[in-house]
Amino acid sequence: MGWQAGSSPFKARTQGLKRGGGFAASEGQRRKVAGDFCCVCWQAPADPAHLIPRSVSPDHSGDPLRVVPLCRRCHDAYDGGRLDLLPHLDGFDREVAMAVECVGLVAALERITNRKWGPK
């Protein structure tokens, strides 16, 4: 059920992740970030941003631990591969652990940092 060693669900991504397609944030995820500030730029309002897209999550989970608060500008930059979230995730240990559990360490690092990790 997990990803094979050496493979990444994000390797072939050449553009921002598509929104919609039945994988919008769940009500619980929206409640989690309601009234919160963006964890990058501290602007409000914040939207629920999936660390690992629901479309590649094995169970397409709507668990609130799958999201962090991002403003629209930072969310677009993250989904477009232009933002490294890792320096901004202090205090989101459980969310990062959930991402690693979902797709493995290397794939989670690749998504969160928007960089290639692993063998060159």
C-alpha atoms as a PDB file:
ATOM      1  CA  MET A   1       0.000   0.000   0.000  1.00  0.00           C
ATOM      2  CA  GLY A   2       2.972   2.378   0.486  1.00  0.00           C
ATOM      3  CA  TRP A   3       5.249   3.899  -2.103  1.00  0.00           C
ATOM      4  CA  GLN A   4       8.040   1.748  -3.519  1.00  0.00           C
ATOM      5  CA  ALA A   5      11.589   2.595  -2.480  1.00  0.00           C
ATOM      6  CA  GLY A   6      13.130   5.155  -4.782  1.00  0.00           C
ATOM      7  CA  SER A   7       9.802   6.358  -6.114  1.00  0.00           C
ATOM      8  CA  SER A   8       7.996   9.553  -5.271  1.00  0.00           C
ATOM      9  CA  PRO A   9       4.423  10.584  -5.984  1.00  0.00           C
ATOM     10  CA  PHE A  10       5.741  14.100  -6.651  1.00  0.00           C
ATOM     11  CA  LYS A  11       8.657  13.301  -8.990  1.00  0.00           C
ATOM     12  CA  ALA A  12       6.775  13.923 -12.219  1.00  0.00           C
ATOM     13  CA  ARG A  13       5.106  17.139 -11.049  1.00  0.00           C
ATOM     14  CA  THR A  14       5.905  19.953 -13.450  1.00  0.00           C
ATOM     15  CA  GLN A  15       3.290  22.482 -12.404  1.00  0.00           C
ATOM     16  CA  GLY A  16       1.193  23.368  -9.395  1.00  0.00           C
ATOM     17  CA  LEU A  17      -1.145  20.788  -7.999  1.00  0.00           C
ATOM     18  CA  LYS A  18      -4.666  21.046  -9.296  1.00  0.00           C
ATOM     19  CA  ARG A  19      -7.389  21.962  -6.857  1.00  0.00           C
ATOM     20  CA  GLY A  20     -10.820  20.432  -6.825  1.00  0.00           C
ATOM     21  CA  GLY A  21     -11.589  17.012  -8.200  1.00  0.00           C
ATOM     22  CA  GLY A  22     -13.376  16.025  -4.984  1.00  0.00           C
ATOM     23  CA  PHE A  23     -10.331  16.570  -2.797  1.00  0.00           C
ATOM     24  CA  ALA A  24     -11.190  19.910  -1.201  1.00  0.00           C
ATOM     25  CA  ALA A  25     -10.572  20.421   2.503  1.00  0.00           C
ATOM     26  CA  SER A  26     -12.970  18.647   4.837  1.00  0.00           C
ATOM     27  CA  GLU A  27     -15.177  20.531   7.276  1.00  0.00           C
ATOM     28  CA  GLY A  28     -12.872  19.481  10.144  1.00  0.00           C
ATOM     29  CA  GLN A  29      -9.837  20.817   8.266  1.00  0.00           C
ATOM     30  CA  ARG A  30     -11.615  24.124   7.637  1.00  0.00           C
ATOM     31  CA  ARG A  31     -12.575  24.410  11.316  1.00  0.00           C
ATOM     32  CA  LYS A  32      -8.969  23.737  12.355  1.00  0.00           C
ATOM     33  CA  VAL A  33      -7.634  26.847  10.591  1.00  0.00           C
ATOM     34  CA  ALA A  34     -10.687  29.113  10.990  1.00  0.00           C
ATOM     35  CA  GLY A  35      -9.521  32.433  12.435  1.00  0.00           C
ATOM     36  CA  ASP A  36      -5.868  31.377  12.228  1.00  0.00           C
ATOM     37  CA  PHE A  37      -2.920  33.175  10.638  1.00  0.00           C
ATOM     38  CA  CYS A  38      -0.712  31.916   7.799  1.00  0.00           C
ATOM     39  CA  CYS A  39       2.208  29.955   9.278  1.00  0.00           C
ATOM     40  CA  VAL A  40       4.566  31.589   6.732  1.00  0.00           C
ATOM     41  CA  CYS A  41       3.704  35.295   6.521  1.00  0.00           C
ATOM     42  CA  TRP A  42       1.295  35.614   9.491  1.00  0.00           C
ATOM     43  CA  GLN A  43      -1.447  37.184   7.363  1.00  0.00           C
ATOM     44  CA  ALA A  44      -5.110  36.368   7.868  1.00  0.00           C
ATOM     45  CA  PRO A  45      -7.310  34.754   6.820  1.00  0.00           C
ATOM     46  CA  ALA A  46      -5.728  31.350   6.436  1.00  0.00           C
ATOM     47  CA  ASP A  47      -6.944  28.445   4.331  1.00  0.00           C
ATOM     48  CA  PRO A  48      -6.318  24.765   5.119  1.00  0.00           C
ATOM     49  CA  ALA A  49      -3.319  23.690   3.032  1.00  0.00           C
ATOM     50  CA  HIS A  50      -2.666  19.970   2.699  1.00  0.00           C
ATOM     51  CA  LEU A  51       0.944  19.037   3.419  1.00  0.00           C
ATOM     52  CA  ILE A  52       0.323  15.932   1.321  1.00  0.00           C
ATOM     53  CA  PRO A  53      -2.466  16.312  -1.257  1.00  0.00           C
ATOM     54  CA  ARG A  54      -5.533  14.207  -0.545  1.00  0.00           C
ATOM     55  CA  SER A  55      -5.307  12.899  -4.111  1.00  0.00           C
ATOM     56  CA  VAL A  56      -2.075  11.021  -3.281  1.00  0.00           C
ATOM     57  CA  SER A  57      -2.918  10.133   0.305  1.00  0.00           C
ATOM     58  CA  PRO A  58      -3.626   6.404   0.501  1.00  0.00           C
ATOM     59  CA  ASP A  59      -6.947   6.965   2.285  1.00  0.00           C
ATOM     60  CA  HIS A  60      -7.787  10.462   0.914  1.00  0.00           C
ATOM     61  CA  SER A  61      -8.185  11.443   4.547  1.00  0.00           C
ATOM     62  CA  GLY A  62     -10.018  14.549   5.687  1.00  0.00           C
ATOM     63  CA  ASP A  63      -8.174  14.381   9.032  1.00  0.00           C
ATOM     64  CA  PRO A  64      -7.412  17.876  10.406  1.00  0.00           C
ATOM     65  CA  LEU A  65      -3.808  16.777  11.040  1.00  0.00           C
ATOM     66  CA  ARG A  66      -3.282  16.718   7.262  1.00  0.00           C
ATOM     67  CA  VAL A  67      -3.414  20.542   6.965  1.00  0.00           C
ATOM     68  CA  VAL A  68      -1.598  23.675   8.084  1.00  0.00           C
ATOM     69  CA  PRO A  69      -2.852  27.270   7.831  1.00  0.00           C
ATOM     70  CA  LEU A  70      -1.663  29.220   4.760  1.00  0.00           C
ATOM     71  CA  CYS A  71      -2.949  32.454   3.251  1.00  0.00           C
ATOM     72  CA  ARG A  72      -4.015  32.235  -0.401  1.00  0.00           C
ATOM     73  CA  ARG A  73      -0.753  33.761  -1.681  1.00  0.00           C
ATOM     74  CA  CYS A  74       1.437  31.318   0.267  1.00  0.00           C
ATOM     75  CA  HIS A  75      -0.908  28.420  -0.521  1.00  0.00           C
ATOM     76  CA  ASP A  76      -0.619  29.146  -4.250  1.00  0.00           C
ATOM     77  CA  ALA A  77       3.174  29.405  -3.950  1.00  0.00           C
ATOM     78  CA  TYR A  78       3.335  26.084  -2.046  1.00  0.00           C
ATOM     79  CA  ASP A  79       1.082  24.243  -4.483  1.00  0.00           C
ATOM     80  CA  GLY A  80       3.021  25.789  -7.380  1.00  0.00           C
ATOM     81  CA  GLY A  81       6.333  24.432  -6.080  1.00  0.00           C
ATOM     82  CA  ARG A  82       7.758  27.862  -5.176  1.00  0.00           C
ATOM     83  CA  LEU A  83       7.635  27.672  -1.370  1.00  0.00           C
ATOM     84  CA  ASP A  84       9.633  25.562   1.072  1.00  0.00           C
ATOM     85  CA  LEU A  85       7.386  25.102   4.115  1.00  0.00           C
ATOM     86  CA  LEU A  86       9.914  23.242   6.264  1.00  0.00           C
ATOM     87  CA  PRO A  87      11.318  26.354   8.022  1.00  0.00           C
ATOM     88  CA  HIS A  88       7.765  27.406   8.938  1.00  0.00           C
ATOM     89  CA  LEU A  89       6.475  24.170  10.445  1.00  0.00           C
ATOM     90  CA  ASP A  90       7.757  24.592  14.001  1.00  0.00           C
ATOM     91  CA  GLY A  91       4.830  23.631  16.190  1.00  0.00           C
ATOM     92  CA  PHE A  92       3.276  21.417  13.512  1.00  0.00           C
ATOM     93  CA  ASP A  93       5.103  18.236  14.539  1.00  0.00           C
ATOM     94  CA  ARG A  94       1.987  16.067  14.476  1.00  0.00           C
ATOM     95  CA  GLU A  95       1.092  17.313  10.987  1.00  0.00           C
ATOM     96  CA  VAL A  96       4.598  16.559   9.697  1.00  0.00           C
ATOM     97  CA  ALA A  97       4.494  13.112  11.326  1.00  0.00           C
ATOM     98  CA  MET A  98       1.158  12.439   9.606  1.00  0.00           C
ATOM     99  CA  ALA A  99       2.670  13.461   6.237  1.00  0.00           C
ATOM    100  CA  VAL A 100       5.634  11.120   6.755  1.00  0.00           C
ATOM    101  CA  GLU A 101       3.319   8.294   7.807  1.00  0.00           C
ATOM    102  CA  CYS A 102       1.219   8.873   4.705  1.00  0.00           C
ATOM    103  CA  VAL A 103       3.896   8.814   1.977  1.00  0.00           C
ATOM    104  CA  GLY A 104       7.238   8.151   3.686  1.00  0.00           C
ATOM    105  CA  LEU A 105      10.085  10.440   4.713  1.00  0.00           C
ATOM    106  CA  VAL A 106      11.627  11.222   1.321  1.00  0.00           C
ATOM    107  CA  ALA A 107       8.310  11.877  -0.440  1.00  0.00           C
ATOM    108  CA  ALA A 108       7.122  14.053   2.463  1.00  0.00           C
ATOM    109  CA  LEU A 109      10.380  16.054   2.376  1.00  0.00           C
ATOM    110  CA  GLU A 110      10.075  16.494  -1.379  1.00  0.00           C
ATOM    111  CA  ARG A 111       6.542  17.835  -1.066  1.00  0.00           C
ATOM    112  CA  ILE A 112       7.119  20.013   2.009  1.00  0.00           C
ATOM    113  CA  THR A 113      10.358  21.552   0.699  1.00  0.00           C
ATOM    114  CA  ASN A 114       9.512  21.450  -3.025  1.00  0.00           C
ATOM    115  CA  ARG A 115      13.002  20.038  -3.665  1.00  0.00           C
ATOM    116  CA  LYS A 116      14.330  16.684  -4.810  1.00  0.00           C
ATOM    117  CA  TRP A 117      15.703  14.532  -1.989  1.00  0.00           C
ATOM    118  CA  GLY A 118      17.272  11.113  -2.118  1.00  0.00           C
ATOM    119  CA  PRO A 119      19.823   9.656  -4.535  1.00  0.00           C
ATOM    120  CA  LYS A 120      21.060  11.903  -7.304  1.00  0.00           C
END
